[in-house]
Protein backbone atom coordinates (compact mmCIF):
# COMPACT_ATOMS: atom_id res chain seq x y z
CA MET A 1 -0.01 -0.02 -0.02
CA ARG A 2 1.29 3.44 -0.99
CA ALA A 3 1.60 6.14 1.66
CA PRO A 4 -0.55 9.25 0.96
CA THR A 5 1.31 12.12 -0.55
CA GLY A 6 -1.27 14.94 -0.65
CA PRO A 7 -1.68 17.93 1.68
CA THR A 8 -2.93 15.66 4.47
CA SER A 9 -0.07 13.27 4.21
CA GLY A 10 1.30 14.33 7.58
CA ARG A 11 4.69 15.27 6.07
CA PRO A 12 6.06 18.49 7.48
CA PRO A 13 6.02 21.38 4.96
CA HIS A 14 9.82 21.42 4.61
CA LEU A 15 9.73 17.82 3.30
CA ARG A 16 7.06 18.51 0.57
CA PRO A 17 8.86 19.23 -2.77
CA GLY A 18 6.06 21.49 -4.06
CA LEU A 19 6.15 23.74 -0.99
CA VAL A 20 9.97 23.86 -1.05
CA ALA A 21 9.72 24.86 -4.71
CA LEU A 22 7.39 27.66 -3.85
CA VAL A 23 9.77 29.01 -1.25
CA ALA A 24 12.71 28.73 -3.63
CA ALA A 25 10.90 30.45 -6.46
CA GLY A 26 9.69 33.25 -4.14
CA GLY A 27 13.15 33.68 -2.77
CA ALA A 28 14.59 34.13 -6.25
CA VAL A 29 11.96 36.78 -6.94
CA GLY A 30 12.56 38.59 -3.74
CA THR A 31 16.38 38.59 -4.11
CA LEU A 32 16.09 40.03 -7.60
CA ALA A 33 13.73 42.68 -6.29
CA ARG A 34 16.19 43.54 -3.48
CA GLN A 35 19.06 43.83 -5.98
CA GLY A 36 16.95 46.03 -8.17
CA LEU A 37 15.87 48.36 -5.35
CA GLY A 38 19.47 48.43 -3.87
CA GLY A 39 20.81 49.40 -7.28
CA ALA A 40 18.27 52.13 -7.70
CA LEU A 41 18.89 53.61 -4.27
CA GLY A 42 22.67 53.22 -4.52
CA GLY A 43 25.14 52.99 -1.76
CA GLY A 44 27.25 55.58 -0.07
CA ALA A 45 29.01 56.58 3.12
CA GLY A 46 27.05 56.86 6.33
CA TRP A 47 23.65 55.34 7.00
CA PRO A 48 22.87 52.25 4.77
CA VAL A 49 19.73 53.68 3.14
CA ALA A 50 19.10 50.87 0.69
CA THR A 51 19.18 48.13 3.33
CA THR A 52 17.02 50.19 5.63
CA VAL A 53 14.41 50.68 2.96
CA GLU A 54 14.51 47.09 1.89
CA ASN A 55 14.07 45.74 5.39
CA LEU A 56 11.33 48.19 6.35
CA VAL A 57 9.32 47.70 3.15
CA GLY A 58 9.71 43.96 3.66
CA ALA A 59 8.69 44.04 7.33
CA LEU A 60 5.55 46.04 6.45
CA ALA A 61 4.66 43.70 3.60
CA LEU A 62 5.16 40.64 5.76
CA GLY A 63 2.98 42.20 8.49
CA LEU A 64 0.25 42.96 5.96
CA LEU A 65 0.50 39.46 4.57
CA LEU A 66 0.28 37.71 7.97
CA GLY A 67 -2.48 40.01 9.18
CA ALA A 68 -4.51 39.39 6.01
CA LEU A 69 -4.06 35.62 6.35
CA GLY A 70 -5.09 35.64 10.01
CA ARG A 71 -4.55 33.13 12.68
CA GLY A 72 -6.14 29.79 13.17
CA ALA A 73 -6.64 26.99 10.84
CA GLU A 74 -4.62 27.42 7.61
CA SER A 75 -6.02 26.32 4.32
CA PRO A 76 -3.66 24.74 1.76
CA ARG A 77 -3.99 27.91 -0.39
CA ALA A 78 -3.16 30.22 2.47
CA ARG A 79 -0.18 27.99 3.40
CA ALA A 80 1.11 28.18 -0.19
CA VAL A 81 0.72 31.98 -0.25
CA ARG A 82 2.40 32.36 3.11
CA LEU A 83 5.31 30.12 2.12
CA ALA A 84 5.73 31.53 -1.41
CA VAL A 85 5.32 35.24 -0.53
CA GLY A 86 6.18 35.46 3.20
CA THR A 87 9.03 32.99 3.45
CA GLY A 88 10.12 33.17 -0.19
CA VAL A 89 9.69 36.56 -1.72
CA LEU A 90 9.93 38.61 1.52
CA GLY A 91 12.62 36.38 2.93
CA GLY A 92 14.70 37.00 -0.19
CA PHE A 93 13.87 40.67 -0.26
CA THR A 94 14.84 41.48 3.38
CA THR A 95 18.30 40.98 4.58
CA PHE A 96 19.24 40.77 8.26
CA SER A 97 22.72 39.45 7.38
CA THR A 98 23.49 42.57 5.39
CA LEU A 99 22.33 44.67 8.27
CA ALA A 100 24.69 42.82 10.61
CA ILE A 101 27.62 43.22 8.21
CA GLU A 102 26.88 46.99 7.86
CA VAL A 103 26.73 47.43 11.62
CA GLN A 104 30.03 45.69 11.95
CA ARG A 105 31.62 47.72 9.16
CA LEU A 106 30.39 51.03 10.54
CA GLY A 107 31.89 50.10 13.93
CA ALA A 108 35.16 48.91 12.37
CA ASP A 109 35.45 52.24 10.43
CA GLY A 110 35.21 54.15 13.71
CA HIS A 111 31.51 55.00 13.50
CA VAL A 112 30.51 53.01 16.52
CA LEU A 113 27.57 55.23 17.57
CA LEU A 114 26.25 55.33 14.03
CA GLY A 115 26.52 51.56 13.71
CA ALA A 116 24.72 51.11 17.04
CA ALA A 117 22.06 53.49 16.08
CA TYR A 118 21.60 51.88 12.72
CA GLY A 119 21.21 48.42 14.21
CA LEU A 120 18.83 49.50 16.96
CA VAL A 121 16.69 51.80 14.72
CA SER A 122 16.48 49.12 12.03
CA VAL A 123 15.25 46.45 14.41
CA ALA A 124 12.90 48.73 16.31
CA ALA A 125 11.47 50.33 13.21
CA GLY A 126 11.13 46.93 11.51
CA TRP A 127 9.11 45.58 14.51
CA ALA A 128 6.95 48.80 14.47
CA VAL A 129 6.16 48.61 10.70
CA ALA A 130 5.55 44.87 10.93
CA LEU A 131 3.04 45.61 13.76
CA VAL A 132 1.30 48.27 11.63
CA GLY A 133 1.12 45.77 8.79
CA VAL A 134 -0.42 43.05 10.98
CA VAL A 135 -3.04 45.41 12.31
CA ALA A 136 -3.79 46.85 8.82
CA GLY A 137 -3.89 43.34 7.29
CA GLY A 138 -6.13 42.07 10.05
CA ARG A 139 -8.54 44.93 9.51
CA ALA A 140 -8.67 44.22 5.78
CA ARG A 141 -9.27 40.51 6.51
CA ARG A 142 -12.07 41.22 8.82
CA GLY A 143 -13.66 43.38 6.14
CA ALA A 144 -13.56 40.50 3.64
CA PRO A 145 -16.62 38.29 3.02
CA ASP A 146 -16.89 35.38 5.40
CA GLU A 147 -16.07 32.79 2.72
CA ASP A 148 -12.73 34.48 1.99
CA ARG A 149 -11.36 34.27 5.53
CA VAL A 150 -10.56 31.77 8.17
CA PRO A 151 -11.91 32.81 11.56
CA ASP A 152 -9.78 32.47 14.70
CA PRO A 153 -10.99 29.29 16.41
CA PRO A 154 -11.85 30.89 19.80
CA ARG A 155 -13.74 33.76 18.10
CA ALA A 156 -15.57 31.28 15.77
CA ALA A 157 -16.71 29.17 18.73
CA VAL A 158 -18.03 32.27 20.56
CA GLU A 159 -19.80 33.65 17.52
CA GLY A 160 -21.18 30.21 16.45
CA ARG A 161 -19.64 30.22 12.98
CA GLY A 162 -16.79 28.39 11.31
CA ARG A 163 -14.93 25.44 12.66
CA THR A 164 -13.40 25.05 16.16
């Protein structure tokens, strides 16, 4: 007897070739978009503007995506979107490793306070814009027709709609 291979096969997402391919394809798109934006913004001395913009735009977009998808049960379509766009595209678009290298380089070049400020502001602002995105995405999701959203399990049980 053959083991099931569909979405309910019980295999973790990272072992499903189709989902891994979605993440890889999304990552390629996100990386190309980051390179394009970085090239358009250019580099220079001082504050790394391109990386700041890339990471803040990416954090906002990820917040919007996750807020719009909501919490609770995840449909196969929502999982594919989250993995392709959230993990793939936005994972390739944002770059924490470049931020870390830039903080180190600023410090090594004698700009210790600028490097520290850059690192702290980037992380704090990233968290803030991600939160704004989650709230805005959640509001947009709540405004969608019921059939287009997955209710949170506790709320669904209280309101008597959806699955628990």
